[in-house]
Amino acid sequence: MLLFCGRRLLLKVEGESMRPTLNPDDRVLVRRTSADTDTPPLGAVVVAWHPLRPGLRLIKRLQSVGHDGMILLGDNPSSSTDSRQLGPIPPSALIGIVMARVSSNQSRQANRF
């Protein structure tokens, strides 16, 4: 029911940037939030809007928060476009915090973060 009320998002992971934590085609449950009202803890996996490509979402790990913005990093640096290339991400770009993963394998295993 919460998915339909707009409080949660169910998103599909694309790309290799968060391996081994998240794999392509995994589904993640995201709790909507904003950095103004609910700053995620450091180390949390978050979803944010790409600062240069409108409409594109990033799923990354929150490394730090500073006066310039959030440092978001992929778990797989060789396959990730993140703050190493983009610089700090504005807090206003934060969409939410990943709360759980539903694996893409046959077991459809759910893992909480």
PDB file of N, CA and C in Angstrom:
ATOM      1  N   MET A   1       0.816  -1.192   0.000  1.00  0.00           N
ATOM      2  CA  MET A   1       0.000   0.000   0.000  1.00  0.00           C
ATOM      3  C   MET A   1       0.863   1.260   0.000  1.00  0.00           C
ATOM      4  N   LEU A   2       1.964   1.264   0.751  1.00  0.00           N
ATOM      5  CA  LEU A   2       2.806   2.454   0.799  1.00  0.00           C
ATOM      6  C   LEU A   2       3.411   2.800  -0.547  1.00  0.00           C
ATOM      7  N   LEU A   3       3.682   1.780  -1.373  1.00  0.00           N
ATOM      8  CA  LEU A   3       4.198   2.061  -2.716  1.00  0.00           C
ATOM      9  C   LEU A   3       3.240   2.957  -3.482  1.00  0.00           C
ATOM     10  N   PHE A   4       1.956   2.706  -3.315  1.00  0.00           N
ATOM     11  CA  PHE A   4       0.966   3.448  -4.075  1.00  0.00           C
ATOM     12  C   PHE A   4       0.693   4.822  -3.488  1.00  0.00           C
ATOM     13  N   CYS A   5       1.058   5.038  -2.236  1.00  0.00           N
ATOM     14  CA  CYS A   5       0.876   6.344  -1.609  1.00  0.00           C
ATOM     15  C   CYS A   5       2.031   7.288  -1.928  1.00  0.00           C
ATOM     16  N   GLY A   6       3.062   6.796  -2.615  1.00  0.00           N
ATOM     17  CA  GLY A   6       4.179   7.630  -2.990  1.00  0.00           C
ATOM     18  C   GLY A   6       5.263   7.751  -1.935  1.00  0.00           C
ATOM     19  N   ARG A   7       5.150   6.996  -0.860  1.00  0.00           N
ATOM     20  CA  ARG A   7       6.170   7.068   0.195  1.00  0.00           C
ATOM     21  C   ARG A   7       7.343   6.141  -0.071  1.00  0.00           C
ATOM     22  N   ARG A   8       7.141   5.165  -0.920  1.00  0.00           N
ATOM     23  CA  ARG A   8       8.189   4.205  -1.253  1.00  0.00           C
ATOM     24  C   ARG A   8       8.278   4.096  -2.775  1.00  0.00           C
ATOM     25  N   LEU A   9       9.480   3.796  -3.232  1.00  0.00           N
ATOM     26  CA  LEU A   9       9.705   3.533  -4.653  1.00  0.00           C
ATOM     27  C   LEU A   9      10.277   2.132  -4.789  1.00  0.00           C
ATOM     28  N   LEU A  10       9.916   1.436  -5.824  1.00  0.00           N
ATOM     29  CA  LEU A  10      10.534   0.166  -6.174  1.00  0.00           C
ATOM     30  C   LEU A  10      11.280   0.416  -7.477  1.00  0.00           C
ATOM     31  N   LEU A  11      12.617   0.348  -7.407  1.00  0.00           N
ATOM     32  CA  LEU A  11      13.445   0.672  -8.566  1.00  0.00           C
ATOM     33  C   LEU A  11      14.272  -0.528  -8.987  1.00  0.00           C
ATOM     34  N   LYS A  12      14.574  -0.606 -10.267  1.00  0.00           N
ATOM     35  CA  LYS A  12      15.422  -1.657 -10.822  1.00  0.00           C
ATOM     36  C   LYS A  12      16.841  -1.128 -10.968  1.00  0.00           C
ATOM     37  N   VAL A  13      17.808  -1.919 -10.508  1.00  0.00           N
ATOM     38  CA  VAL A  13      19.222  -1.552 -10.615  1.00  0.00           C
ATOM     39  C   VAL A  13      19.690  -1.830 -12.035  1.00  0.00           C
ATOM     40  N   GLU A  14      20.365  -0.844 -12.605  1.00  0.00           N
ATOM     41  CA  GLU A  14      20.985  -1.010 -13.918  1.00  0.00           C
ATOM     42  C   GLU A  14      22.466  -0.716 -13.775  1.00  0.00           C
ATOM     43  N   GLY A  15      23.281  -1.489 -14.419  1.00  0.00           N
ATOM     44  CA  GLY A  15      24.716  -1.251 -14.376  1.00  0.00           C
ATOM     45  C   GLY A  15      25.406  -1.993 -13.248  1.00  0.00           C
ATOM     46  N   GLU A  16      26.730  -1.878 -13.262  1.00  0.00           N
ATOM     47  CA  GLU A  16      27.603  -2.650 -12.373  1.00  0.00           C
ATOM     48  C   GLU A  16      28.203  -1.817 -11.242  1.00  0.00           C
ATOM     49  N   SER A  17      27.810  -0.564 -11.108  1.00  0.00           N
ATOM     50  CA  SER A  17      28.517   0.345 -10.196  1.00  0.00           C
ATOM     51  C   SER A  17      28.400  -0.010  -8.721  1.00  0.00           C
ATOM     52  N   MET A  18      27.385  -0.768  -8.328  1.00  0.00           N
ATOM     53  CA  MET A  18      27.218  -1.093  -6.909  1.00  0.00           C
ATOM     54  C   MET A  18      27.514  -2.559  -6.592  1.00  0.00           C
ATOM     55  N   ARG A  19      28.130  -3.285  -7.548  1.00  0.00           N
ATOM     56  CA  ARG A  19      28.525  -4.659  -7.242  1.00  0.00           C
ATOM     57  C   ARG A  19      29.593  -4.662  -6.179  1.00  0.00           C
ATOM     58  N   PRO A  20      29.634  -5.552  -5.256  1.00  0.00           N
ATOM     59  CA  PRO A  20      28.814  -6.743  -5.113  1.00  0.00           C
ATOM     60  C   PRO A  20      27.541  -6.524  -4.297  1.00  0.00           C
ATOM     61  N   THR A  21      27.336  -5.319  -3.761  1.00  0.00           N
ATOM     62  CA  THR A  21      26.167  -5.072  -2.922  1.00  0.00           C
ATOM     63  C   THR A  21      24.872  -5.218  -3.704  1.00  0.00           C
ATOM     64  N   LEU A  22      24.816  -4.591  -4.874  1.00  0.00           N
ATOM     65  CA  LEU A  22      23.640  -4.650  -5.739  1.00  0.00           C
ATOM     66  C   LEU A  22      24.075  -5.092  -7.122  1.00  0.00           C
ATOM     67  N   ASN A  23      23.279  -5.948  -7.718  1.00  0.00           N
ATOM     68  CA  ASN A  23      23.580  -6.482  -9.044  1.00  0.00           C
ATOM     69  C   ASN A  23      22.584  -5.949 -10.065  1.00  0.00           C
ATOM     70  N   PRO A  24      22.975  -5.917 -11.342  1.00  0.00           N
ATOM     71  CA  PRO A  24      22.025  -5.516 -12.373  1.00  0.00           C
ATOM     72  C   PRO A  24      20.756  -6.359 -12.286  1.00  0.00           C
ATOM     73  N   ASP A  25      19.624  -5.714 -12.465  1.00  0.00           N
ATOM     74  CA  ASP A  25      18.287  -6.313 -12.423  1.00  0.00           C
ATOM     75  C   ASP A  25      17.766  -6.564 -11.018  1.00  0.00           C
ATOM     76  N   ASP A  26      18.578  -6.333  -9.961  1.00  0.00           N
ATOM     77  CA  ASP A  26      18.019  -6.367  -8.612  1.00  0.00           C
ATOM     78  C   ASP A  26      16.970  -5.268  -8.520  1.00  0.00           C
ATOM     79  N   ARG A  27      16.032  -5.457  -7.636  1.00  0.00           N
ATOM     80  CA  ARG A  27      15.042  -4.430  -7.331  1.00  0.00           C
ATOM     81  C   ARG A  27      15.352  -3.917  -5.923  1.00  0.00           C
ATOM     82  N   VAL A  28      15.214  -2.604  -5.730  1.00  0.00           N
ATOM     83  CA  VAL A  28      15.447  -2.024  -4.418  1.00  0.00           C
ATOM     84  C   VAL A  28      14.218  -1.239  -3.980  1.00  0.00           C
ATOM     85  N   LEU A  29      13.934  -1.338  -2.689  1.00  0.00           N
ATOM     86  CA  LEU A  29      12.853  -0.578  -2.085  1.00  0.00           C
ATOM     87  C   LEU A  29      13.469   0.679  -1.483  1.00  0.00           C
ATOM     88  N   VAL A  30      12.973   1.828  -1.895  1.00  0.00           N
ATOM     89  CA  VAL A  30      13.550   3.114  -1.516  1.00  0.00           C
ATOM     90  C   VAL A  30      12.524   3.915  -0.713  1.00  0.00           C
ATOM     91  N   ARG A  31      12.952   4.404   0.456  1.00  0.00           N
ATOM     92  CA  ARG A  31      12.115   5.297   1.247  1.00  0.00           C
ATOM     93  C   ARG A  31      12.441   6.726   0.832  1.00  0.00           C
ATOM     94  N   ARG A  32      11.430   7.418   0.334  1.00  0.00           N
ATOM     95  CA  ARG A  32      11.622   8.812  -0.086  1.00  0.00           C
ATOM     96  C   ARG A  32      12.040   9.666   1.107  1.00  0.00           C
ATOM     97  N   THR A  33      12.972  10.565   0.855  1.00  0.00           N
ATOM     98  CA  THR A  33      13.460  11.469   1.886  1.00  0.00           C
ATOM     99  C   THR A  33      14.120  12.651   1.209  1.00  0.00           C
ATOM    100  N   SER A  34      14.552  13.593   1.999  1.00  0.00           N
ATOM    101  CA  SER A  34      15.352  14.692   1.468  1.00  0.00           C
ATOM    102  C   SER A  34      16.442  14.997   2.480  1.00  0.00           C
ATOM    103  N   ALA A  35      17.533  15.524   2.017  1.00  0.00           N
ATOM    104  CA  ALA A  35      18.657  15.836   2.897  1.00  0.00           C
ATOM    105  C   ALA A  35      18.275  16.942   3.884  1.00  0.00           C
ATOM    106  N   ASP A  36      17.285  17.750   3.543  1.00  0.00           N
ATOM    107  CA  ASP A  36      16.856  18.824   4.439  1.00  0.00           C
ATOM    108  C   ASP A  36      16.121  18.295   5.661  1.00  0.00           C
ATOM    109  N   THR A  37      15.357  17.232   5.474  1.00  0.00           N
ATOM    110  CA  THR A  37      14.514  16.735   6.567  1.00  0.00           C
ATOM    111  C   THR A  37      15.030  15.457   7.212  1.00  0.00           C
ATOM    112  N   ASP A  38      15.806  14.661   6.489  1.00  0.00           N
ATOM    113  CA  ASP A  38      16.208  13.351   7.003  1.00  0.00           C
ATOM    114  C   ASP A  38      17.537  12.954   6.379  1.00  0.00           C
ATOM    115  N   THR A  39      18.632  13.463   6.919  1.00  0.00           N
ATOM    116  CA  THR A  39      19.939  13.151   6.367  1.00  0.00           C
ATOM    117  C   THR A  39      20.258  11.676   6.575  1.00  0.00           C
ATOM    118  N   PRO A  40      20.570  10.948   5.514  1.00  0.00           N
ATOM    119  CA  PRO A  40      20.902   9.525   5.659  1.00  0.00           C
ATOM    120  C   PRO A  40      22.203   9.356   6.440  1.00  0.00           C
ATOM    121  N   PRO A  41      22.355   8.230   7.123  1.00  0.00           N
ATOM    122  CA  PRO A  41      23.616   7.978   7.820  1.00  0.00           C
ATOM    123  C   PRO A  41      24.736   7.711   6.822  1.00  0.00           C
ATOM    124  N   LEU A  42      25.949   8.065   7.194  1.00  0.00           N
ATOM    125  CA  LEU A  42      27.095   7.767   6.341  1.00  0.00           C
ATOM    126  C   LEU A  42      27.159   6.265   6.118  1.00  0.00           C
ATOM    127  N   GLY A  43      27.470   5.862   4.906  1.00  0.00           N
ATOM    128  CA  GLY A  43      27.515   4.448   4.542  1.00  0.00           C
ATOM    129  C   GLY A  43      26.211   3.915   3.983  1.00  0.00           C
ATOM    130  N   ALA A  44      25.128   4.690   4.083  1.00  0.00           N
ATOM    131  CA  ALA A  44      23.838   4.251   3.553  1.00  0.00           C
ATOM    132  C   ALA A  44      23.878   4.246   2.024  1.00  0.00           C
ATOM    133  N   VAL A  45      23.124   3.337   1.427  1.00  0.00           N
ATOM    134  CA  VAL A  45      22.946   3.333  -0.020  1.00  0.00           C
ATOM    135  C   VAL A  45      21.758   4.247  -0.308  1.00  0.00           C
ATOM    136  N   VAL A  46      21.980   5.217  -1.172  1.00  0.00           N
ATOM    137  CA  VAL A  46      20.962   6.226  -1.446  1.00  0.00           C
ATOM    138  C   VAL A  46      20.694   6.322  -2.945  1.00  0.00           C
ATOM    139  N   VAL A  47      19.596   6.974  -3.270  1.00  0.00           N
ATOM    140  CA  VAL A  47      19.241   7.261  -4.657  1.00  0.00           C
ATOM    141  C   VAL A  47      19.169   8.782  -4.792  1.00  0.00           C
ATOM    142  N   ALA A  48      19.800   9.294  -5.834  1.00  0.00           N
ATOM    143  CA  ALA A  48      19.807  10.738  -6.084  1.00  0.00           C
ATOM    144  C   ALA A  48      19.692  10.979  -7.587  1.00  0.00           C
ATOM    145  N   TRP A  49      19.271  12.176  -7.929  1.00  0.00           N
ATOM    146  CA  TRP A  49      19.231  12.565  -9.332  1.00  0.00           C
ATOM    147  C   TRP A  49      20.643  12.878  -9.809  1.00  0.00           C
ATOM    148  N   HIS A  50      20.968  12.442 -11.016  1.00  0.00           N
ATOM    149  CA  HIS A  50      22.257  12.753 -11.633  1.00  0.00           C
ATOM    150  C   HIS A  50      22.333  14.262 -11.836  1.00  0.00           C
ATOM    151  N   PRO A  51      23.424  14.908 -11.436  1.00  0.00           N
ATOM    152  CA  PRO A  51      23.484  16.368 -11.538  1.00  0.00           C
ATOM    153  C   PRO A  51      23.589  16.907 -12.962  1.00  0.00           C
ATOM    154  N   LEU A  52      24.009  16.081 -13.918  1.00  0.00           N
ATOM    155  CA  LEU A  52      24.211  16.564 -15.293  1.00  0.00           C
ATOM    156  C   LEU A  52      23.252  15.958 -16.307  1.00  0.00           C
ATOM    157  N   ARG A  53      22.539  14.906 -15.917  1.00  0.00           N
ATOM    158  CA  ARG A  53      21.629  14.227 -16.846  1.00  0.00           C
ATOM    159  C   ARG A  53      20.238  14.149 -16.236  1.00  0.00           C
ATOM    160  N   PRO A  54      19.406  15.152 -16.496  1.00  0.00           N
ATOM    161  CA  PRO A  54      18.062  15.184 -15.917  1.00  0.00           C
ATOM    162  C   PRO A  54      17.295  13.892 -16.205  1.00  0.00           C
ATOM    163  N   GLY A  55      16.613  13.418 -15.187  1.00  0.00           N
ATOM    164  CA  GLY A  55      15.810  12.210 -15.324  1.00  0.00           C
ATOM    165  C   GLY A  55      16.564  10.928 -15.033  1.00  0.00           C
ATOM    166  N   LEU A  56      17.883  10.993 -14.872  1.00  0.00           N
ATOM    167  CA  LEU A  56      18.678   9.800 -14.583  1.00  0.00           C
ATOM    168  C   LEU A  56      18.939   9.715 -13.083  1.00  0.00           C
ATOM    169  N   ARG A  57      18.654   8.540 -12.516  1.00  0.00           N
ATOM    170  CA  ARG A  57      18.885   8.327 -11.090  1.00  0.00           C
ATOM    171  C   ARG A  57      20.221   7.633 -10.866  1.00  0.00           C
ATOM    172  N   LEU A  58      20.861   7.981  -9.761  1.00  0.00           N
ATOM    173  CA  LEU A  58      22.090   7.324  -9.320  1.00  0.00           C
ATOM    174  C   LEU A  58      21.780   6.515  -8.066  1.00  0.00           C
ATOM    175  N   ILE A  59      22.301   5.303  -7.982  1.00  0.00           N
ATOM    176  CA  ILE A  59      22.253   4.533  -6.740  1.00  0.00           C
ATOM    177  C   ILE A  59      23.692   4.392  -6.286  1.00  0.00           C
ATOM    178  N   LYS A  60      24.012   5.010  -5.151  1.00  0.00           N
ATOM    179  CA  LYS A  60      25.394   5.072  -4.664  1.00  0.00           C
ATOM    180  C   LYS A  60      25.406   5.010  -3.136  1.00  0.00           C
ATOM    181  N   ARG A  61      26.606   4.862  -2.599  1.00  0.00           N
ATOM    182  CA  ARG A  61      26.799   4.857  -1.145  1.00  0.00           C
ATOM    183  C   ARG A  61      27.208   6.263  -0.701  1.00  0.00           C
ATOM    184  N   LEU A  62      26.587   6.742   0.386  1.00  0.00           N
ATOM    185  CA  LEU A  62      26.894   8.057   0.931  1.00  0.00           C
ATOM    186  C   LEU A  62      28.205   7.977   1.704  1.00  0.00           C
ATOM    187  N   GLN A  63      29.227   8.620   1.166  1.00  0.00           N
ATOM    188  CA  GLN A  63      30.557   8.609   1.783  1.00  0.00           C
ATOM    189  C   GLN A  63      30.703   9.719   2.818  1.00  0.00           C
ATOM    190  N   SER A  64      30.246  10.917   2.457  1.00  0.00           N
ATOM    191  CA  SER A  64      30.348  12.050   3.389  1.00  0.00           C
ATOM    192  C   SER A  64      29.387  13.153   2.952  1.00  0.00           C
ATOM    193  N   VAL A  65      29.159  14.081   3.880  1.00  0.00           N
ATOM    194  CA  VAL A  65      28.340  15.258   3.598  1.00  0.00           C
ATOM    195  C   VAL A  65      29.133  16.466   4.056  1.00  0.00           C
ATOM    196  N   GLY A  66      29.307  17.411   3.155  1.00  0.00           N
ATOM    197  CA  GLY A  66      30.056  18.623   3.483  1.00  0.00           C
ATOM    198  C   GLY A  66      29.298  19.849   3.052  1.00  0.00           C
ATOM    199  N   HIS A  67      29.906  20.997   3.208  1.00  0.00           N
ATOM    200  CA  HIS A  67      29.243  22.244   2.824  1.00  0.00           C
ATOM    201  C   HIS A  67      29.039  22.347   1.313  1.00  0.00           C
ATOM    202  N   ASP A  68      29.827  21.595   0.526  1.00  0.00           N
ATOM    203  CA  ASP A  68      29.681  21.593  -0.926  1.00  0.00           C
ATOM    204  C   ASP A  68      28.631  20.602  -1.420  1.00  0.00           C
ATOM    205  N   GLY A  69      28.254  19.647  -0.592  1.00  0.00           N
ATOM    206  CA  GLY A  69      27.274  18.648  -1.000  1.00  0.00           C
ATOM    207  C   GLY A  69      27.629  17.261  -0.496  1.00  0.00           C
ATOM    208  N   MET A  70      26.975  16.265  -1.086  1.00  0.00           N
ATOM    209  CA  MET A  70      27.158  14.870  -0.686  1.00  0.00           C
ATOM    210  C   MET A  70      28.193  14.205  -1.583  1.00  0.00           C
ATOM    211  N   ILE A  71      29.063  13.403  -0.993  1.00  0.00           N
ATOM    212  CA  ILE A  71      29.993  12.588  -1.768  1.00  0.00           C
ATOM    213  C   ILE A  71      29.365  11.202  -1.867  1.00  0.00           C
ATOM    214  N   LEU A  72      28.987  10.839  -3.082  1.00  0.00           N
ATOM    215  CA  LEU A  72      28.352   9.546  -3.358  1.00  0.00           C
ATOM    216  C   LEU A  72      29.313   8.710  -4.184  1.00  0.00           C
ATOM    217  N   LEU A  73      29.574   7.480  -3.735  1.00  0.00           N
ATOM    218  CA  LEU A  73      30.516   6.598  -4.410  1.00  0.00           C
ATOM    219  C   LEU A  73      29.880   5.244  -4.702  1.00  0.00           C
ATOM    220  N   GLY A  74      30.209   4.686  -5.849  1.00  0.00           N
ATOM    221  CA  GLY A  74      29.802   3.326  -6.168  1.00  0.00           C
ATOM    222  C   GLY A  74      30.717   2.339  -5.468  1.00  0.00           C
ATOM    223  N   ASP A  75      30.202   1.162  -5.173  1.00  0.00           N
ATOM    224  CA  ASP A  75      31.006   0.118  -4.524  1.00  0.00           C
ATOM    225  C   ASP A  75      32.012  -0.505  -5.484  1.00  0.00           C
ATOM    226  N   ASN A  76      31.796  -0.339  -6.786  1.00  0.00           N
ATOM    227  CA  ASN A  76      32.662  -0.902  -7.812  1.00  0.00           C
ATOM    228  C   ASN A  76      33.285   0.269  -8.593  1.00  0.00           C
ATOM    229  N   PRO A  77      34.387   0.838  -8.087  1.00  0.00           N
ATOM    230  CA  PRO A  77      34.944   2.061  -8.680  1.00  0.00           C
ATOM    231  C   PRO A  77      35.244   1.973 -10.172  1.00  0.00           C
ATOM    232  N   SER A  78      35.640   0.808 -10.665  1.00  0.00           N
ATOM    233  CA  SER A  78      35.998   0.706 -12.081  1.00  0.00           C
ATOM    234  C   SER A  78      34.784   0.784 -13.005  1.00  0.00           C
ATOM    235  N   SER A  79      33.579   0.645 -12.452  1.00  0.00           N
ATOM    236  CA  SER A  79      32.364   0.704 -13.271  1.00  0.00           C
ATOM    237  C   SER A  79      31.388   1.762 -12.783  1.00  0.00           C
ATOM    238  N   SER A  80      31.887   2.755 -12.080  1.00  0.00           N
ATOM    239  CA  SER A  80      30.991   3.728 -11.468  1.00  0.00           C
ATOM    240  C   SER A  80      31.292   5.147 -11.919  1.00  0.00           C
ATOM    241  N   THR A  81      30.238   5.866 -12.267  1.00  0.00           N
ATOM    242  CA  THR A  81      30.317   7.311 -12.433  1.00  0.00           C
ATOM    243  C   THR A  81      29.705   7.888 -11.168  1.00  0.00           C
ATOM    244  N   ASP A  82      30.515   8.586 -10.388  1.00  0.00           N
ATOM    245  CA  ASP A  82      30.077   9.046  -9.074  1.00  0.00           C
ATOM    246  C   ASP A  82      30.792  10.339  -8.728  1.00  0.00           C
ATOM    247  N   SER A  83      30.897  10.656  -7.468  1.00  0.00           N
ATOM    248  CA  SER A  83      31.521  11.923  -7.056  1.00  0.00           C
ATOM    249  C   SER A  83      32.991  12.018  -7.427  1.00  0.00           C
ATOM    250  N   ARG A  84      33.623  10.895  -7.737  1.00  0.00           N
ATOM    251  CA  ARG A  84      35.014  10.965  -8.208  1.00  0.00           C
ATOM    252  C   ARG A  84      35.097  11.713  -9.531  1.00  0.00           C
ATOM    253  N   GLN A  85      34.068  11.592 -10.354  1.00  0.00           N
ATOM    254  CA  GLN A  85      34.015  12.302 -11.630  1.00  0.00           C
ATOM    255  C   GLN A  85      33.119  13.539 -11.567  1.00  0.00           C
ATOM    256  N   LEU A  86      32.016  13.442 -10.829  1.00  0.00           N
ATOM    257  CA  LEU A  86      30.993  14.485 -10.828  1.00  0.00           C
ATOM    258  C   LEU A  86      31.196  15.543  -9.754  1.00  0.00           C
ATOM    259  N   GLY A  87      32.009  15.238  -8.758  1.00  0.00           N
ATOM    260  CA  GLY A  87      32.147  16.144  -7.624  1.00  0.00           C
ATOM    261  C   GLY A  87      30.991  15.950  -6.659  1.00  0.00           C
ATOM    262  N   PRO A  88      30.882  16.829  -5.679  1.00  0.00           N
ATOM    263  CA  PRO A  88      29.800  16.719  -4.700  1.00  0.00           C
ATOM    264  C   PRO A  88      28.429  16.841  -5.371  1.00  0.00           C
ATOM    265  N   ILE A  89      27.493  16.065  -4.871  1.00  0.00           N
ATOM    266  CA  ILE A  89      26.123  16.065  -5.385  1.00  0.00           C
ATOM    267  C   ILE A  89      25.290  16.963  -4.470  1.00  0.00           C
ATOM    268  N   PRO A  90      24.506  17.887  -5.022  1.00  0.00           N
ATOM    269  CA  PRO A  90      23.715  18.776  -4.171  1.00  0.00           C
ATOM    270  C   PRO A  90      22.723  17.988  -3.313  1.00  0.00           C
ATOM    271  N   PRO A  91      22.558  18.364  -2.053  1.00  0.00           N
ATOM    272  CA  PRO A  91      21.586  17.669  -1.196  1.00  0.00           C
ATOM    273  C   PRO A  91      20.171  17.673  -1.768  1.00  0.00           C
ATOM    274  N   SER A  92      19.842  18.690  -2.544  1.00  0.00           N
ATOM    275  CA  SER A  92      18.507  18.768  -3.157  1.00  0.00           C
ATOM    276  C   SER A  92      18.266  17.651  -4.171  1.00  0.00           C
ATOM    277  N   ALA A  93      19.334  16.972  -4.617  1.00  0.00           N
ATOM    278  CA  ALA A  93      19.202  15.879  -5.586  1.00  0.00           C
ATOM    279  C   ALA A  93      18.818  14.557  -4.929  1.00  0.00           C
ATOM    280  N   LEU A  94      18.881  14.486  -3.603  1.00  0.00           N
ATOM    281  CA  LEU A  94      18.570  13.241  -2.896  1.00  0.00           C
ATOM    282  C   LEU A  94      17.110  12.857  -3.101  1.00  0.00           C
ATOM    283  N   ILE A  95      16.880  11.606  -3.486  1.00  0.00           N
ATOM    284  CA  ILE A  95      15.529  11.071  -3.660  1.00  0.00           C
ATOM    285  C   ILE A  95      15.136  10.240  -2.454  1.00  0.00           C
ATOM    286  N   GLY A  96      16.039   9.352  -2.003  1.00  0.00           N
ATOM    287  CA  GLY A  96      15.692   8.503  -0.875  1.00  0.00           C
ATOM    288  C   GLY A  96      16.805   7.559  -0.480  1.00  0.00           C
ATOM    289  N   ILE A  97      16.482   6.739   0.519  1.00  0.00           N
ATOM    290  CA  ILE A  97      17.416   5.773   1.096  1.00  0.00           C
ATOM    291  C   ILE A  97      16.953   4.373   0.725  1.00  0.00           C
ATOM    292  N   VAL A  98      17.883   3.546   0.248  1.00  0.00           N
ATOM    293  CA  VAL A  98      17.553   2.154  -0.070  1.00  0.00           C
ATOM    294  C   VAL A  98      17.345   1.409   1.246  1.00  0.00           C
ATOM    295  N   MET A  99      16.175   0.802   1.379  1.00  0.00           N
ATOM    296  CA  MET A  99      15.816   0.096   2.611  1.00  0.00           C
ATOM    297  C   MET A  99      15.968  -1.413   2.488  1.00  0.00           C
ATOM    298  N   ALA A 100      15.790  -1.939   1.273  1.00  0.00           N
ATOM    299  CA  ALA A 100      15.864  -3.390   1.077  1.00  0.00           C
ATOM    300  C   ALA A 100      16.155  -3.683  -0.382  1.00  0.00           C
ATOM    301  N   ARG A 101      16.722  -4.872  -0.606  1.00  0.00           N
ATOM    302  CA  ARG A 101      17.010  -5.351  -1.957  1.00  0.00           C
ATOM    303  C   ARG A 101      16.234  -6.637  -2.168  1.00  0.00           C
ATOM    304  N   VAL A 102      15.674  -6.767  -3.347  1.00  0.00           N
ATOM    305  CA  VAL A 102      15.058  -8.022  -3.764  1.00  0.00           C
ATOM    306  C   VAL A 102      15.945  -8.572  -4.860  1.00  0.00           C
ATOM    307  N   SER A 103      16.610  -9.678  -4.598  1.00  0.00           N
ATOM    308  CA  SER A 103      17.596 -10.240  -5.507  1.00  0.00           C
ATOM    309  C   SER A 103      16.955 -10.634  -6.828  1.00  0.00           C
ATOM    310  N   SER A 104      17.745 -10.587  -7.892  1.00  0.00           N
ATOM    311  CA  SER A 104      17.252 -10.954  -9.217  1.00  0.00           C
ATOM    312  C   SER A 104      17.299 -12.459  -9.454  1.00  0.00           C
ATOM    313  N   ASN A 105      17.874 -13.205  -8.507  1.00  0.00           N
ATOM    314  CA  ASN A 105      17.992 -14.651  -8.729  1.00  0.00           C
ATOM    315  C   ASN A 105      16.661 -15.356  -8.506  1.00  0.00           C
ATOM    316  N   GLN A 106      16.622 -16.644  -8.753  1.00  0.00           N
ATOM    317  CA  GLN A 106      15.399 -17.438  -8.685  1.00  0.00           C
ATOM    318  C   GLN A 106      14.735 -17.387  -7.311  1.00  0.00           C
ATOM    319  N   SER A 107      15.508 -17.254  -6.255  1.00  0.00           N
ATOM    320  CA  SER A 107      14.937 -17.306  -4.905  1.00  0.00           C
ATOM    321  C   SER A 107      14.194 -16.021  -4.533  1.00  0.00           C
ATOM    322  N   ARG A 108      14.453 -14.944  -5.261  1.00  0.00           N
ATOM    323  CA  ARG A 108      13.819 -13.666  -4.984  1.00  0.00           C
ATOM    324  C   ARG A 108      13.995 -13.269  -3.519  1.00  0.00           C
ATOM    325  N   GLN A 109      15.185 -13.485  -3.034  1.00  0.00           N
ATOM    326  CA  GLN A 109      15.546 -13.232  -1.660  1.00  0.00           C
ATOM    327  C   GLN A 109      15.501 -11.740  -1.350  1.00  0.00           C
ATOM    328  N   ALA A 110      14.955 -11.370  -0.198  1.00  0.00           N
ATOM    329  CA  ALA A 110      14.928  -9.977   0.224  1.00  0.00           C
ATOM    330  C   ALA A 110      15.995  -9.743   1.282  1.00  0.00           C
ATOM    331  N   ASN A 111      16.743  -8.680   1.135  1.00  0.00           N
ATOM    332  CA  ASN A 111      17.773  -8.302   2.108  1.00  0.00           C
ATOM    333  C   ASN A 111      17.522  -6.885   2.553  1.00  0.00           C
ATOM    334  N   ARG A 112      17.571  -6.647   3.855  1.00  0.00           N
ATOM    335  CA  ARG A 112      17.404  -5.291   4.396  1.00  0.00           C
ATOM    336  C   ARG A 112      18.764  -4.628   4.541  1.00  0.00           C
ATOM    337  N   PHE A 113      18.756  -3.313   4.445  1.00  0.00           N
ATOM    338  CA  PHE A 113      19.968  -2.509   4.618  1.00  0.00           C
ATOM    339  C   PHE A 113      19.953  -1.896   5.986  1.00  0.00           C
TER     340      PHE A 113
END
